[in-house]
Amino acid sequence: MKTKVTAIARDPLKVPKPLSNAAAAVIRDTLEHHGVSQAEAAKAMKISTAQLSDVIRQRKGVSAAMALRFQFCFGVPADLIIRLQAQHDFQKAYHTKGPEIRQEVKALT
């Protein structure tokens, strides 16, 4: 007896909504793991405490320069942090600006 299997149709462009910024979470969790305060980390990385706080609280994204500073300070690869930030930025843009852009752009292929 054969069982009929029906595949679930999926949108290949479906992108999950970003719940939080994973790059900021890596930074926050690394500080907690090492028992380092935001003020200590900011001082060691030669940035302001406000800059680091804005990233951790997800008010601002992680720049490439900050990712490098974090790598040299804590050993977490900057390219990992940048990829996480880029993924977050893409998901956010896809859901906030995607529908409008889709209407504006003419498909050539």
PDB file of N, CA and C in Angstrom:
ATOM      1  N   MET A   1       0.836  -1.185   0.000  1.00  0.00           N
ATOM      2  CA  MET A   1       0.000   0.000   0.000  1.00  0.00           C
ATOM      3  C   MET A   1       0.876   1.241   0.000  1.00  0.00           C
ATOM      4  N   LYS A   2       0.675   2.076  -1.006  1.00  0.00           N
ATOM      5  CA  LYS A   2       1.457   3.298  -1.129  1.00  0.00           C
ATOM      6  C   LYS A   2       0.750   4.449  -0.426  1.00  0.00           C
ATOM      7  N   THR A   3       1.564   5.260   0.237  1.00  0.00           N
ATOM      8  CA  THR A   3       1.051   6.448   0.887  1.00  0.00           C
ATOM      9  C   THR A   3       1.408   7.647   0.031  1.00  0.00           C
ATOM     10  N   LYS A   4       0.424   8.461  -0.243  1.00  0.00           N
ATOM     11  CA  LYS A   4       0.667   9.648  -1.047  1.00  0.00           C
ATOM     12  C   LYS A   4       1.274  10.736  -0.158  1.00  0.00           C
ATOM     13  N   VAL A   5       2.426  11.235  -0.590  1.00  0.00           N
ATOM     14  CA  VAL A   5       3.100  12.291   0.149  1.00  0.00           C
ATOM     15  C   VAL A   5       2.935  13.593  -0.623  1.00  0.00           C
ATOM     16  N   THR A   6       2.465  14.608   0.078  1.00  0.00           N
ATOM     17  CA  THR A   6       2.272  15.913  -0.533  1.00  0.00           C
ATOM     18  C   THR A   6       3.298  16.870   0.052  1.00  0.00           C
ATOM     19  N   ALA A   7       4.045  17.488  -0.807  1.00  0.00           N
ATOM     20  CA  ALA A   7       5.057  18.450  -0.347  1.00  0.00           C
ATOM     21  C   ALA A   7       4.390  19.766   0.015  1.00  0.00           C
ATOM     22  N   ILE A   8       4.956  20.410   0.989  1.00  0.00           N
ATOM     23  CA  ILE A   8       4.472  21.723   1.392  1.00  0.00           C
ATOM     24  C   ILE A   8       5.166  22.756   0.519  1.00  0.00           C
ATOM     25  N   ALA A   9       4.383  23.557  -0.155  1.00  0.00           N
ATOM     26  CA  ALA A   9       4.961  24.600  -1.001  1.00  0.00           C
ATOM     27  C   ALA A   9       5.619  25.653  -0.123  1.00  0.00           C
ATOM     28  N   ARG A  10       6.849  26.014  -0.458  1.00  0.00           N
ATOM     29  CA  ARG A  10       7.573  27.025   0.320  1.00  0.00           C
ATOM     30  C   ARG A  10       8.067  28.120  -0.596  1.00  0.00           C
ATOM     31  N   ASP A  11       8.051  29.282  -0.081  1.00  0.00           N
ATOM     32  CA  ASP A  11       8.577  30.432  -0.797  1.00  0.00           C
ATOM     33  C   ASP A  11      10.098  30.427  -0.615  1.00  0.00           C
ATOM     34  N   PRO A  12      10.871  30.245  -1.705  1.00  0.00           N
ATOM     35  CA  PRO A  12      12.325  30.196  -1.557  1.00  0.00           C
ATOM     36  C   PRO A  12      12.920  31.511  -1.063  1.00  0.00           C
ATOM     37  N   LEU A  13      12.173  32.581  -1.159  1.00  0.00           N
ATOM     38  CA  LEU A  13      12.660  33.871  -0.696  1.00  0.00           C
ATOM     39  C   LEU A  13      12.164  34.238   0.694  1.00  0.00           C
ATOM     40  N   LYS A  14      11.462  33.306   1.330  1.00  0.00           N
ATOM     41  CA  LYS A  14      10.923  33.597   2.658  1.00  0.00           C
ATOM     42  C   LYS A  14      12.072  33.798   3.633  1.00  0.00           C
ATOM     43  N   VAL A  15      12.053  34.888   4.292  1.00  0.00           N
ATOM     44  CA  VAL A  15      13.114  35.260   5.210  1.00  0.00           C
ATOM     45  C   VAL A  15      12.499  35.467   6.588  1.00  0.00           C
ATOM     46  N   PRO A  16      13.072  34.858   7.618  1.00  0.00           N
ATOM     47  CA  PRO A  16      12.502  35.046   8.962  1.00  0.00           C
ATOM     48  C   PRO A  16      12.681  36.484   9.430  1.00  0.00           C
ATOM     49  N   LYS A  17      11.742  36.940  10.231  1.00  0.00           N
ATOM     50  CA  LYS A  17      11.859  38.276  10.806  1.00  0.00           C
ATOM     51  C   LYS A  17      12.943  38.241  11.879  1.00  0.00           C
ATOM     52  N   PRO A  18      13.776  39.272  11.925  1.00  0.00           N
ATOM     53  CA  PRO A  18      14.830  39.284  12.942  1.00  0.00           C
ATOM     54  C   PRO A  18      14.227  39.547  14.318  1.00  0.00           C
ATOM     55  N   LEU A  19      14.490  38.658  15.250  1.00  0.00           N
ATOM     56  CA  LEU A  19      13.997  38.840  16.607  1.00  0.00           C
ATOM     57  C   LEU A  19      14.964  39.697  17.412  1.00  0.00           C
ATOM     58  N   SER A  20      16.241  39.442  17.219  1.00  0.00           N
ATOM     59  CA  SER A  20      17.262  40.241  17.885  1.00  0.00           C
ATOM     60  C   SER A  20      18.526  40.186  17.047  1.00  0.00           C
ATOM     61  N   ASN A  21      19.458  41.031  17.376  1.00  0.00           N
ATOM     62  CA  ASN A  21      20.705  41.103  16.635  1.00  0.00           C
ATOM     63  C   ASN A  21      21.705  40.120  17.246  1.00  0.00           C
ATOM     64  N   ALA A  22      22.029  39.064  16.517  1.00  0.00           N
ATOM     65  CA  ALA A  22      22.934  38.040  17.023  1.00  0.00           C
ATOM     66  C   ALA A  22      24.340  38.588  17.235  1.00  0.00           C
ATOM     67  N   ALA A  23      24.761  39.564  16.439  1.00  0.00           N
ATOM     68  CA  ALA A  23      26.087  40.165  16.613  1.00  0.00           C
ATOM     69  C   ALA A  23      26.168  40.850  17.977  1.00  0.00           C
ATOM     70  N   ALA A  24      25.134  41.586  18.340  1.00  0.00           N
ATOM     71  CA  ALA A  24      25.092  42.248  19.640  1.00  0.00           C
ATOM     72  C   ALA A  24      25.065  41.221  20.762  1.00  0.00           C
ATOM     73  N   ALA A  25      24.364  40.118  20.546  1.00  0.00           N
ATOM     74  CA  ALA A  25      24.287  39.070  21.559  1.00  0.00           C
ATOM     75  C   ALA A  25      25.646  38.418  21.785  1.00  0.00           C
ATOM     76  N   VAL A  26      26.419  38.212  20.716  1.00  0.00           N
ATOM     77  CA  VAL A  26      27.760  37.635  20.861  1.00  0.00           C
ATOM     78  C   VAL A  26      28.635  38.552  21.698  1.00  0.00           C
ATOM     79  N   ILE A  27      28.562  39.838  21.432  1.00  0.00           N
ATOM     80  CA  ILE A  27      29.359  40.802  22.192  1.00  0.00           C
ATOM     81  C   ILE A  27      28.928  40.809  23.657  1.00  0.00           C
ATOM     82  N   ARG A  28      27.630  40.907  23.889  1.00  0.00           N
ATOM     83  CA  ARG A  28      27.115  40.913  25.263  1.00  0.00           C
ATOM     84  C   ARG A  28      27.508  39.641  26.007  1.00  0.00           C
ATOM     85  N   ASP A  29      27.300  38.493  25.367  1.00  0.00           N
ATOM     86  CA  ASP A  29      27.593  37.212  26.016  1.00  0.00           C
ATOM     87  C   ASP A  29      29.090  37.027  26.278  1.00  0.00           C
ATOM     88  N   THR A  30      29.927  37.539  25.381  1.00  0.00           N
ATOM     89  CA  THR A  30      31.371  37.438  25.585  1.00  0.00           C
ATOM     90  C   THR A  30      31.802  38.256  26.796  1.00  0.00           C
ATOM     91  N   LEU A  31      31.255  39.451  26.931  1.00  0.00           N
ATOM     92  CA  LEU A  31      31.572  40.277  28.098  1.00  0.00           C
ATOM     93  C   LEU A  31      31.146  39.567  29.382  1.00  0.00           C
ATOM     94  N   GLU A  32      29.937  39.020  29.383  1.00  0.00           N
ATOM     95  CA  GLU A  32      29.442  38.305  30.560  1.00  0.00           C
ATOM     96  C   GLU A  32      30.309  37.087  30.865  1.00  0.00           C
ATOM     97  N   HIS A  33      30.669  36.335  29.844  1.00  0.00           N
ATOM     98  CA  HIS A  33      31.487  35.130  30.024  1.00  0.00           C
ATOM     99  C   HIS A  33      32.828  35.448  30.688  1.00  0.00           C
ATOM    100  N   HIS A  34      33.425  36.563  30.281  1.00  0.00           N
ATOM    101  CA  HIS A  34      34.732  36.948  30.813  1.00  0.00           C
ATOM    102  C   HIS A  34      34.625  37.827  32.066  1.00  0.00           C
ATOM    103  N   GLY A  35      33.405  38.156  32.469  1.00  0.00           N
ATOM    104  CA  GLY A  35      33.209  38.986  33.657  1.00  0.00           C
ATOM    105  C   GLY A  35      33.749  40.400  33.486  1.00  0.00           C
ATOM    106  N   VAL A  36      33.632  40.928  32.282  1.00  0.00           N
ATOM    107  CA  VAL A  36      34.142  42.257  31.970  1.00  0.00           C
ATOM    108  C   VAL A  36      32.961  43.208  31.824  1.00  0.00           C
ATOM    109  N   SER A  37      33.061  44.366  32.456  1.00  0.00           N
ATOM    110  CA  SER A  37      31.990  45.354  32.341  1.00  0.00           C
ATOM    111  C   SER A  37      32.075  46.053  30.986  1.00  0.00           C
ATOM    112  N   GLN A  38      30.979  46.701  30.621  1.00  0.00           N
ATOM    113  CA  GLN A  38      30.970  47.465  29.371  1.00  0.00           C
ATOM    114  C   GLN A  38      32.002  48.582  29.426  1.00  0.00           C
ATOM    115  N   ALA A  39      32.143  49.214  30.562  1.00  0.00           N
ATOM    116  CA  ALA A  39      33.104  50.312  30.704  1.00  0.00           C
ATOM    117  C   ALA A  39      34.537  49.809  30.523  1.00  0.00           C
ATOM    118  N   GLU A  40      34.852  48.652  31.117  1.00  0.00           N
ATOM    119  CA  GLU A  40      36.196  48.075  30.969  1.00  0.00           C
ATOM    120  C   GLU A  40      36.480  47.700  29.514  1.00  0.00           C
ATOM    121  N   ALA A  41      35.495  47.073  28.892  1.00  0.00           N
ATOM    122  CA  ALA A  41      35.670  46.652  27.492  1.00  0.00           C
ATOM    123  C   ALA A  41      35.823  47.857  26.584  1.00  0.00           C
ATOM    124  N   ALA A  42      34.997  48.876  26.782  1.00  0.00           N
ATOM    125  CA  ALA A  42      35.070  50.074  25.950  1.00  0.00           C
ATOM    126  C   ALA A  42      36.440  50.744  26.100  1.00  0.00           C
ATOM    127  N   LYS A  43      36.926  50.826  27.314  1.00  0.00           N
ATOM    128  CA  LYS A  43      38.237  51.434  27.560  1.00  0.00           C
ATOM    129  C   LYS A  43      39.334  50.641  26.856  1.00  0.00           C
ATOM    130  N   ALA A  44      39.285  49.309  26.956  1.00  0.00           N
ATOM    131  CA  ALA A  44      40.293  48.461  26.323  1.00  0.00           C
ATOM    132  C   ALA A  44      40.242  48.560  24.805  1.00  0.00           C
ATOM    133  N   MET A  45      39.029  48.739  24.254  1.00  0.00           N
ATOM    134  CA  MET A  45      38.878  48.826  22.799  1.00  0.00           C
ATOM    135  C   MET A  45      39.045  50.249  22.270  1.00  0.00           C
ATOM    136  N   LYS A  46      39.261  51.209  23.173  1.00  0.00           N
ATOM    137  CA  LYS A  46      39.426  52.624  22.804  1.00  0.00           C
ATOM    138  C   LYS A  46      38.204  53.186  22.087  1.00  0.00           C
ATOM    139  N   ILE A  47      37.020  52.863  22.628  1.00  0.00           N
ATOM    140  CA  ILE A  47      35.762  53.438  22.152  1.00  0.00           C
ATOM    141  C   ILE A  47      35.019  53.959  23.373  1.00  0.00           C
ATOM    142  N   SER A  48      33.957  54.703  23.154  1.00  0.00           N
ATOM    143  CA  SER A  48      33.196  55.214  24.294  1.00  0.00           C
ATOM    144  C   SER A  48      32.271  54.130  24.831  1.00  0.00           C
ATOM    145  N   THR A  49      31.976  54.245  26.096  1.00  0.00           N
ATOM    146  CA  THR A  49      31.034  53.309  26.720  1.00  0.00           C
ATOM    147  C   THR A  49      29.669  53.426  26.046  1.00  0.00           C
ATOM    148  N   ALA A  50      29.314  54.640  25.638  1.00  0.00           N
ATOM    149  CA  ALA A  50      28.026  54.858  24.966  1.00  0.00           C
ATOM    150  C   ALA A  50      27.958  54.095  23.650  1.00  0.00           C
ATOM    151  N   GLN A  51      29.069  54.072  22.887  1.00  0.00           N
ATOM    152  CA  GLN A  51      29.087  53.322  21.627  1.00  0.00           C
ATOM    153  C   GLN A  51      28.841  51.835  21.876  1.00  0.00           C
ATOM    154  N   LEU A  52      29.540  51.284  22.847  1.00  0.00           N
ATOM    155  CA  LEU A  52      29.385  49.862  23.151  1.00  0.00           C
ATOM    156  C   LEU A  52      27.981  49.577  23.677  1.00  0.00           C
ATOM    157  N   SER A  53      27.486  50.443  24.526  1.00  0.00           N
ATOM    158  CA  SER A  53      26.138  50.276  25.071  1.00  0.00           C
ATOM    159  C   SER A  53      25.083  50.314  23.964  1.00  0.00           C
ATOM    160  N   ASP A  54      25.246  51.226  23.008  1.00  0.00           N
ATOM    161  CA  ASP A  54      24.290  51.321  21.897  1.00  0.00           C
ATOM    162  C   ASP A  54      24.248  50.035  21.078  1.00  0.00           C
ATOM    163  N   VAL A  55      25.397  49.411  20.895  1.00  0.00           N
ATOM    164  CA  VAL A  55      25.444  48.140  20.158  1.00  0.00           C
ATOM    165  C   VAL A  55      24.773  47.033  20.971  1.00  0.00           C
ATOM    166  N   ILE A  56      25.141  46.917  22.222  1.00  0.00           N
ATOM    167  CA  ILE A  56      24.597  45.850  23.071  1.00  0.00           C
ATOM    168  C   ILE A  56      23.087  45.990  23.233  1.00  0.00           C
ATOM    169  N   ARG A  57      22.600  47.212  23.318  1.00  0.00           N
ATOM    170  CA  ARG A  57      21.151  47.441  23.463  1.00  0.00           C
ATOM    171  C   ARG A  57      20.433  47.483  22.118  1.00  0.00           C
ATOM    172  N   GLN A  58      21.178  47.215  21.054  1.00  0.00           N
ATOM    173  CA  GLN A  58      20.653  47.101  19.699  1.00  0.00           C
ATOM    174  C   GLN A  58      20.068  48.407  19.163  1.00  0.00           C
ATOM    175  N   ARG A  59      20.593  49.510  19.640  1.00  0.00           N
ATOM    176  CA  ARG A  59      20.203  50.806  19.081  1.00  0.00           C
ATOM    177  C   ARG A  59      21.019  51.104  17.830  1.00  0.00           C
ATOM    178  N   LYS A  60      22.221  50.511  17.756  1.00  0.00           N
ATOM    179  CA  LYS A  60      23.084  50.659  16.591  1.00  0.00           C
ATOM    180  C   LYS A  60      23.671  49.300  16.237  1.00  0.00           C
ATOM    181  N   GLY A  61      24.060  49.166  14.976  1.00  0.00           N
ATOM    182  CA  GLY A  61      24.687  47.934  14.528  1.00  0.00           C
ATOM    183  C   GLY A  61      26.182  47.927  14.817  1.00  0.00           C
ATOM    184  N   VAL A  62      26.801  46.778  14.577  1.00  0.00           N
ATOM    185  CA  VAL A  62      28.232  46.627  14.779  1.00  0.00           C
ATOM    186  C   VAL A  62      28.950  47.015  13.489  1.00  0.00           C
ATOM    187  N   SER A  63      29.814  48.003  13.566  1.00  0.00           N
ATOM    188  CA  SER A  63      30.601  48.408  12.394  1.00  0.00           C
ATOM    189  C   SER A  63      31.774  47.449  12.222  1.00  0.00           C
ATOM    190  N   ALA A  64      32.371  47.490  11.046  1.00  0.00           N
ATOM    191  CA  ALA A  64      33.546  46.653  10.787  1.00  0.00           C
ATOM    192  C   ALA A  64      34.691  47.041  11.728  1.00  0.00           C
ATOM    193  N   ALA A  65      34.847  48.338  11.975  1.00  0.00           N
ATOM    194  CA  ALA A  65      35.917  48.797  12.867  1.00  0.00           C
ATOM    195  C   ALA A  65      35.694  48.290  14.290  1.00  0.00           C
ATOM    196  N   MET A  66      34.450  48.328  14.756  1.00  0.00           N
ATOM    197  CA  MET A  66      34.179  47.838  16.102  1.00  0.00           C
ATOM    198  C   MET A  66      34.384  46.323  16.176  1.00  0.00           C
ATOM    199  N   ALA A  67      33.997  45.624  15.131  1.00  0.00           N
ATOM    200  CA  ALA A  67      34.206  44.170  15.109  1.00  0.00           C
ATOM    201  C   ALA A  67      35.696  43.846  15.190  1.00  0.00           C
ATOM    202  N   LEU A  68      36.520  44.613  14.496  1.00  0.00           N
ATOM    203  CA  LEU A  68      37.973  44.413  14.572  1.00  0.00           C
ATOM    204  C   LEU A  68      38.505  44.706  15.971  1.00  0.00           C
ATOM    205  N   ARG A  69      38.037  45.780  16.558  1.00  0.00           N
ATOM    206  CA  ARG A  69      38.462  46.110  17.926  1.00  0.00           C
ATOM    207  C   ARG A  69      38.072  44.979  18.883  1.00  0.00           C
ATOM    208  N   PHE A  70      36.874  44.447  18.697  1.00  0.00           N
ATOM    209  CA  PHE A  70      36.406  43.365  19.563  1.00  0.00           C
ATOM    210  C   PHE A  70      37.242  42.103  19.350  1.00  0.00           C
ATOM    211  N   GLN A  71      37.601  41.838  18.100  1.00  0.00           N
ATOM    212  CA  GLN A  71      38.442  40.676  17.806  1.00  0.00           C
ATOM    213  C   GLN A  71      39.800  40.794  18.504  1.00  0.00           C
ATOM    214  N   PHE A  72      40.436  41.949  18.383  1.00  0.00           N
ATOM    215  CA  PHE A  72      41.752  42.128  18.987  1.00  0.00           C
ATOM    216  C   PHE A  72      41.694  42.127  20.512  1.00  0.00           C
ATOM    217  N   CYS A  73      40.560  42.498  21.057  1.00  0.00           N
ATOM    218  CA  CYS A  73      40.401  42.552  22.513  1.00  0.00           C
ATOM    219  C   CYS A  73      40.006  41.195  23.100  1.00  0.00           C
ATOM    220  N   PHE A  74      39.083  40.473  22.425  1.00  0.00           N
ATOM    221  CA  PHE A  74      38.536  39.240  22.993  1.00  0.00           C
ATOM    222  C   PHE A  74      38.782  37.974  22.174  1.00  0.00           C
ATOM    223  N   GLY A  75      39.307  38.118  20.968  1.00  0.00           N
ATOM    224  CA  GLY A  75      39.601  36.949  20.157  1.00  0.00           C
ATOM    225  C   GLY A  75      38.434  36.377  19.382  1.00  0.00           C
ATOM    226  N   VAL A  76      37.299  37.054  19.403  1.00  0.00           N
ATOM    227  CA  VAL A  76      36.136  36.606  18.629  1.00  0.00           C
ATOM    228  C   VAL A  76      36.324  37.106  17.197  1.00  0.00           C
ATOM    229  N   PRO A  77      36.301  36.210  16.203  1.00  0.00           N
ATOM    230  CA  PRO A  77      36.566  36.630  14.827  1.00  0.00           C
ATOM    231  C   PRO A  77      35.643  37.754  14.348  1.00  0.00           C
ATOM    232  N   ALA A  78      36.258  38.813  13.836  1.00  0.00           N
ATOM    233  CA  ALA A  78      35.495  39.964  13.354  1.00  0.00           C
ATOM    234  C   ALA A  78      34.583  39.576  12.201  1.00  0.00           C
ATOM    235  N   ASP A  79      35.041  38.659  11.341  1.00  0.00           N
ATOM    236  CA  ASP A  79      34.203  38.289  10.198  1.00  0.00           C
ATOM    237  C   ASP A  79      32.933  37.571  10.643  1.00  0.00           C
ATOM    238  N   LEU A  80      32.981  36.852  11.747  1.00  0.00           N
ATOM    239  CA  LEU A  80      31.763  36.223  12.298  1.00  0.00           C
ATOM    240  C   LEU A  80      30.776  37.304  12.727  1.00  0.00           C
ATOM    241  N   ILE A  81      31.262  38.275  13.460  1.00  0.00           N
ATOM    242  CA  ILE A  81      30.397  39.353  13.950  1.00  0.00           C
ATOM    243  C   ILE A  81      29.798  40.129  12.775  1.00  0.00           C
ATOM    244  N   ILE A  82      30.610  40.402  11.751  1.00  0.00           N
ATOM    245  CA  ILE A  82      30.126  41.143  10.587  1.00  0.00           C
ATOM    246  C   ILE A  82      29.081  40.336   9.821  1.00  0.00           C
ATOM    247  N   ARG A  83      29.286  39.015   9.678  1.00  0.00           N
ATOM    248  CA  ARG A  83      28.290  38.184   8.990  1.00  0.00           C
ATOM    249  C   ARG A  83      26.970  38.166   9.757  1.00  0.00           C
ATOM    250  N   LEU A  84      27.033  38.081  11.077  1.00  0.00           N
ATOM    251  CA  LEU A  84      25.809  38.106  11.885  1.00  0.00           C
ATOM    252  C   LEU A  84      25.097  39.450  11.745  1.00  0.00           C
ATOM    253  N   GLN A  85      25.881  40.530  11.741  1.00  0.00           N
ATOM    254  CA  GLN A  85      25.296  41.869  11.586  1.00  0.00           C
ATOM    255  C   GLN A  85      24.655  42.015  10.213  1.00  0.00           C
ATOM    256  N   ALA A  86      25.343  41.534   9.184  1.00  0.00           N
ATOM    257  CA  ALA A  86      24.807  41.632   7.819  1.00  0.00           C
ATOM    258  C   ALA A  86      23.507  40.840   7.679  1.00  0.00           C
ATOM    259  N   GLN A  87      23.457  39.657   8.279  1.00  0.00           N
ATOM    260  CA  GLN A  87      22.237  38.852   8.222  1.00  0.00           C
ATOM    261  C   GLN A  87      21.078  39.578   8.904  1.00  0.00           C
ATOM    262  N   HIS A  88      21.361  40.163  10.050  1.00  0.00           N
ATOM    263  CA  HIS A  88      20.336  40.928  10.775  1.00  0.00           C
ATOM    264  C   HIS A  88      19.854  42.114   9.933  1.00  0.00           C
ATOM    265  N   ASP A  89      20.799  42.846   9.347  1.00  0.00           N
ATOM    266  CA  ASP A  89      20.447  44.009   8.524  1.00  0.00           C
ATOM    267  C   ASP A  89      19.599  43.592   7.325  1.00  0.00           C
ATOM    268  N   PHE A  90      19.981  42.480   6.689  1.00  0.00           N
ATOM    269  CA  PHE A  90      19.220  41.986   5.537  1.00  0.00           C
ATOM    270  C   PHE A  90      17.794  41.614   5.934  1.00  0.00           C
ATOM    271  N   GLN A  91      17.645  40.853   7.013  1.00  0.00           N
ATOM    272  CA  GLN A  91      16.311  40.441   7.449  1.00  0.00           C
ATOM    273  C   GLN A  91      15.449  41.646   7.791  1.00  0.00           C
ATOM    274  N   LYS A  92      16.034  42.605   8.449  1.00  0.00           N
ATOM    275  CA  LYS A  92      15.299  43.812   8.819  1.00  0.00           C
ATOM    276  C   LYS A  92      14.849  44.572   7.566  1.00  0.00           C
ATOM    277  N   ALA A  93      15.764  44.758   6.616  1.00  0.00           N
ATOM    278  CA  ALA A  93      15.435  45.465   5.381  1.00  0.00           C
ATOM    279  C   ALA A  93      14.395  44.702   4.568  1.00  0.00           C
ATOM    280  N   TYR A  94      14.532  43.390   4.511  1.00  0.00           N
ATOM    281  CA  TYR A  94      13.599  42.565   3.746  1.00  0.00           C
ATOM    282  C   TYR A  94      12.164  42.778   4.226  1.00  0.00           C
ATOM    283  N   HIS A  95      11.986  42.861   5.529  1.00  0.00           N
ATOM    284  CA  HIS A  95      10.638  42.975   6.071  1.00  0.00           C
ATOM    285  C   HIS A  95      10.128  44.411   6.156  1.00  0.00           C
ATOM    286  N   THR A  96      11.026  45.379   6.241  1.00  0.00           N
ATOM    287  CA  THR A  96      10.549  46.760   6.334  1.00  0.00           C
ATOM    288  C   THR A  96      10.470  47.432   4.970  1.00  0.00           C
ATOM    289  N   LYS A  97      11.435  47.154   4.094  1.00  0.00           N
ATOM    290  CA  LYS A  97      11.496  47.832   2.801  1.00  0.00           C
ATOM    291  C   LYS A  97      11.248  46.911   1.618  1.00  0.00           C
ATOM    292  N   GLY A  98      11.295  45.620   1.834  1.00  0.00           N
ATOM    293  CA  GLY A  98      11.160  44.647   0.750  1.00  0.00           C
ATOM    294  C   GLY A  98       9.913  44.800  -0.101  1.00  0.00           C
ATOM    295  N   PRO A  99       8.724  44.870   0.511  1.00  0.00           N
ATOM    296  CA  PRO A  99       7.503  44.987  -0.303  1.00  0.00           C
ATOM    297  C   PRO A  99       7.490  46.244  -1.188  1.00  0.00           C
ATOM    298  N   GLU A 100       7.955  47.349  -0.651  1.00  0.00           N
ATOM    299  CA  GLU A 100       7.998  48.597  -1.417  1.00  0.00           C
ATOM    300  C   GLU A 100       8.999  48.483  -2.569  1.00  0.00           C
ATOM    301  N   ILE A 101      10.156  47.929  -2.290  1.00  0.00           N
ATOM    302  CA  ILE A 101      11.185  47.772  -3.326  1.00  0.00           C
ATOM    303  C   ILE A 101      10.714  46.811  -4.406  1.00  0.00           C
ATOM    304  N   ARG A 102      10.024  45.750  -3.997  1.00  0.00           N
ATOM    305  CA  ARG A 102       9.520  44.787  -4.971  1.00  0.00           C
ATOM    306  C   ARG A 102       8.578  45.455  -5.974  1.00  0.00           C
ATOM    307  N   GLN A 103       7.777  46.418  -5.502  1.00  0.00           N
ATOM    308  CA  GLN A 103       6.858  47.136  -6.378  1.00  0.00           C
ATOM    309  C   GLN A 103       7.610  48.092  -7.313  1.00  0.00           C
ATOM    310  N   GLU A 104       8.710  48.661  -6.848  1.00  0.00           N
ATOM    311  CA  GLU A 104       9.457  49.647  -7.633  1.00  0.00           C
ATOM    312  C   GLU A 104      10.326  49.009  -8.716  1.00  0.00           C
ATOM    313  N   VAL A 105      10.873  47.850  -8.435  1.00  0.00           N
ATOM    314  CA  VAL A 105      11.883  47.255  -9.312  1.00  0.00           C
ATOM    315  C   VAL A 105      11.246  46.470 -10.446  1.00  0.00           C
ATOM    316  N   LYS A 106      11.797  46.648 -11.623  1.00  0.00           N
ATOM    317  CA  LYS A 106      11.336  45.902 -12.803  1.00  0.00           C
ATOM    318  C   LYS A 106      12.267  44.699 -12.978  1.00  0.00           C
ATOM    319  N   ALA A 107      11.690  43.506 -12.984  1.00  0.00           N
ATOM    320  CA  ALA A 107      12.474  42.286 -13.192  1.00  0.00           C
ATOM    321  C   ALA A 107      12.889  42.178 -14.640  1.00  0.00           C
ATOM    322  N   LEU A 108      14.167  41.932 -14.868  1.00  0.00           N
ATOM    323  CA  LEU A 108      14.671  41.784 -16.231  1.00  0.00           C
ATOM    324  C   LEU A 108      14.826  40.329 -16.628  1.00  0.00           C
ATOM    325  N   THR A 109      14.790  39.431 -15.673  1.00  0.00           N
ATOM    326  CA  THR A 109      14.918  38.006 -16.001  1.00  0.00           C
ATOM    327  C   THR A 109      13.787  37.237 -15.341  1.00  0.00           C
TER     328      THR A 109
END
